[in-house]
């Protein structure tokens, strides 16, 4: 079983305060891909999948195990004003 990260509400460690868990989609992967399970999901199909884009400065959030994109995150550099 892959290692899972758990996110709880506040500083709680109680099961009813579990917001979500995340784990690597595959044991060996060239690009980061995480399966995200909401607190009440104890099944095998994730609620969301987070996939690293073509560069490390972007990622996509997909619905479950599908290719339906819910959001795309792109890191942009801020240019400071002088």
C-alpha atoms as a PDB file:
ATOM      1  CA  UNK A   1       0.000   0.000   0.000  1.00  0.00           C
ATOM      2  CA  UNK A   2       1.237   3.472  -0.865  1.00  0.00           C
ATOM      3  CA  UNK A   3       1.922   5.939   1.920  1.00  0.00           C
ATOM      4  CA  UNK A   4      -1.031   8.294   2.516  1.00  0.00           C
ATOM      5  CA  UNK A   5      -1.132  11.848   3.749  1.00  0.00           C
ATOM      6  CA  UNK A   6      -4.055  12.799   5.958  1.00  0.00           C
ATOM      7  CA  UNK A   7      -5.533  16.294   6.384  1.00  0.00           C
ATOM      8  CA  UNK A   8      -7.659  16.991   9.460  1.00  0.00           C
ATOM      9  CA  UNK A   9      -9.767  19.962  10.541  1.00  0.00           C
ATOM     10  CA  UNK A  10      -7.703  22.167  12.872  1.00  0.00           C
ATOM     11  CA  UNK A  11      -5.301  20.235  15.082  1.00  0.00           C
ATOM     12  CA  UNK A  12      -7.636  17.260  15.484  1.00  0.00           C
ATOM     13  CA  UNK A  13      -6.657  13.672  14.702  1.00  0.00           C
ATOM     14  CA  UNK A  14     -10.221  12.357  15.101  1.00  0.00           C
ATOM     15  CA  UNK A  15     -11.701  10.323  12.238  1.00  0.00           C
ATOM     16  CA  UNK A  16     -14.798  12.566  12.060  1.00  0.00           C
ATOM     17  CA  UNK A  17     -12.485  15.581  11.478  1.00  0.00           C
ATOM     18  CA  UNK A  18     -10.691  13.945   8.527  1.00  0.00           C
ATOM     19  CA  UNK A  19     -11.016  16.269   5.511  1.00  0.00           C
ATOM     20  CA  UNK A  20      -9.152  14.218   2.908  1.00  0.00           C
ATOM     21  CA  UNK A  21      -6.336  11.756   2.302  1.00  0.00           C
ATOM     22  CA  UNK A  22      -3.901  11.772  -0.605  1.00  0.00           C
ATOM     23  CA  UNK A  23      -1.524   9.191  -2.025  1.00  0.00           C
ATOM     24  CA  UNK A  24       0.687   8.814  -5.053  1.00  0.00           C
ATOM     25  CA  UNK A  25      -1.306   7.365  -7.934  1.00  0.00           C
ATOM     26  CA  UNK A  26       1.498   5.026  -8.940  1.00  0.00           C
ATOM     27  CA  UNK A  27       4.462   3.700  -7.006  1.00  0.00           C
ATOM     28  CA  UNK A  28       6.907   4.778  -9.730  1.00  0.00           C
ATOM     29  CA  UNK A  29       6.137   7.926 -11.686  1.00  0.00           C
ATOM     30  CA  UNK A  30       8.109  10.469 -13.691  1.00  0.00           C
ATOM     31  CA  UNK A  31       5.614  13.292 -13.027  1.00  0.00           C
ATOM     32  CA  UNK A  32       3.803  13.818  -9.750  1.00  0.00           C
ATOM     33  CA  UNK A  33       0.284  12.416  -9.703  1.00  0.00           C
ATOM     34  CA  UNK A  34      -1.817  12.230  -6.524  1.00  0.00           C
ATOM     35  CA  UNK A  35      -5.147  10.558  -5.800  1.00  0.00           C
ATOM     36  CA  UNK A  36      -7.259  12.606  -3.371  1.00  0.00           C
ATOM     37  CA  UNK A  37     -10.012  10.962  -1.309  1.00  0.00           C
ATOM     38  CA  UNK A  38     -12.495  13.115   0.620  1.00  0.00           C
ATOM     39  CA  UNK A  39     -12.897  12.218   4.294  1.00  0.00           C
ATOM     40  CA  UNK A  40     -15.929   9.952   3.820  1.00  0.00           C
ATOM     41  CA  UNK A  41     -14.504   8.093   0.773  1.00  0.00           C
ATOM     42  CA  UNK A  42     -13.049   4.746   1.858  1.00  0.00           C
ATOM     43  CA  UNK A  43     -13.208   3.224  -1.633  1.00  0.00           C
ATOM     44  CA  UNK A  44     -10.601   2.673  -4.325  1.00  0.00           C
ATOM     45  CA  UNK A  45     -11.744   5.418  -6.745  1.00  0.00           C
ATOM     46  CA  UNK A  46     -10.443   8.884  -5.798  1.00  0.00           C
ATOM     47  CA  UNK A  47     -12.686  11.949  -5.687  1.00  0.00           C
ATOM     48  CA  UNK A  48      -9.987  13.999  -7.427  1.00  0.00           C
ATOM     49  CA  UNK A  49      -6.651  13.469  -9.125  1.00  0.00           C
ATOM     50  CA  UNK A  50      -3.895  16.101  -9.122  1.00  0.00           C
ATOM     51  CA  UNK A  51      -1.483  15.753 -12.056  1.00  0.00           C
ATOM     52  CA  UNK A  52       1.719  17.691 -12.625  1.00  0.00           C
ATOM     53  CA  UNK A  53       1.714  19.522 -15.951  1.00  0.00           C
ATOM     54  CA  UNK A  54       4.384  19.632 -18.631  1.00  0.00           C
ATOM     55  CA  UNK A  55       6.453  21.778 -16.316  1.00  0.00           C
ATOM     56  CA  UNK A  56       6.661  21.821 -12.535  1.00  0.00           C
ATOM     57  CA  UNK A  57       4.907  25.204 -12.573  1.00  0.00           C
ATOM     58  CA  UNK A  58       1.477  23.816 -13.489  1.00  0.00           C
ATOM     59  CA  UNK A  59      -0.934  21.093 -12.476  1.00  0.00           C
ATOM     60  CA  UNK A  60      -4.436  19.905 -13.323  1.00  0.00           C
ATOM     61  CA  UNK A  61      -7.200  18.798 -10.980  1.00  0.00           C
ATOM     62  CA  UNK A  62      -9.300  16.023 -12.532  1.00  0.00           C
ATOM     63  CA  UNK A  63     -12.602  14.498 -11.434  1.00  0.00           C
ATOM     64  CA  UNK A  64     -12.088  11.016  -9.964  1.00  0.00           C
ATOM     65  CA  UNK A  65     -10.333   8.594 -12.318  1.00  0.00           C
ATOM     66  CA  UNK A  66     -11.599  10.454 -15.409  1.00  0.00           C
ATOM     67  CA  UNK A  67      -9.996  12.972 -17.747  1.00  0.00           C
ATOM     68  CA  UNK A  68     -12.616  15.596 -16.847  1.00  0.00           C
ATOM     69  CA  UNK A  69     -10.624  18.677 -15.854  1.00  0.00           C
ATOM     70  CA  UNK A  70     -12.080  20.678 -12.969  1.00  0.00           C
ATOM     71  CA  UNK A  71      -9.272  23.219 -12.643  1.00  0.00           C
ATOM     72  CA  UNK A  72      -5.801  24.055 -13.845  1.00  0.00           C
ATOM     73  CA  UNK A  73      -3.205  25.790 -11.692  1.00  0.00           C
ATOM     74  CA  UNK A  74      -0.382  27.745 -13.333  1.00  0.00           C
ATOM     75  CA  UNK A  75       2.361  29.454 -11.353  1.00  0.00           C
ATOM     76  CA  UNK A  76       3.082  32.923 -12.663  1.00  0.00           C
ATOM     77  CA  UNK A  77       6.000  35.124 -11.740  1.00  0.00           C
ATOM     78  CA  UNK A  78       5.204  38.515 -10.299  1.00  0.00           C
ATOM     79  CA  UNK A  79       7.179  41.388 -11.721  1.00  0.00           C
ATOM     80  CA  UNK A  80       7.918  43.878  -9.008  1.00  0.00           C
ATOM     81  CA  UNK A  81       7.301  47.534  -9.751  1.00  0.00           C
ATOM     82  CA  UNK A  82      10.163  49.983  -9.305  1.00  0.00           C
END
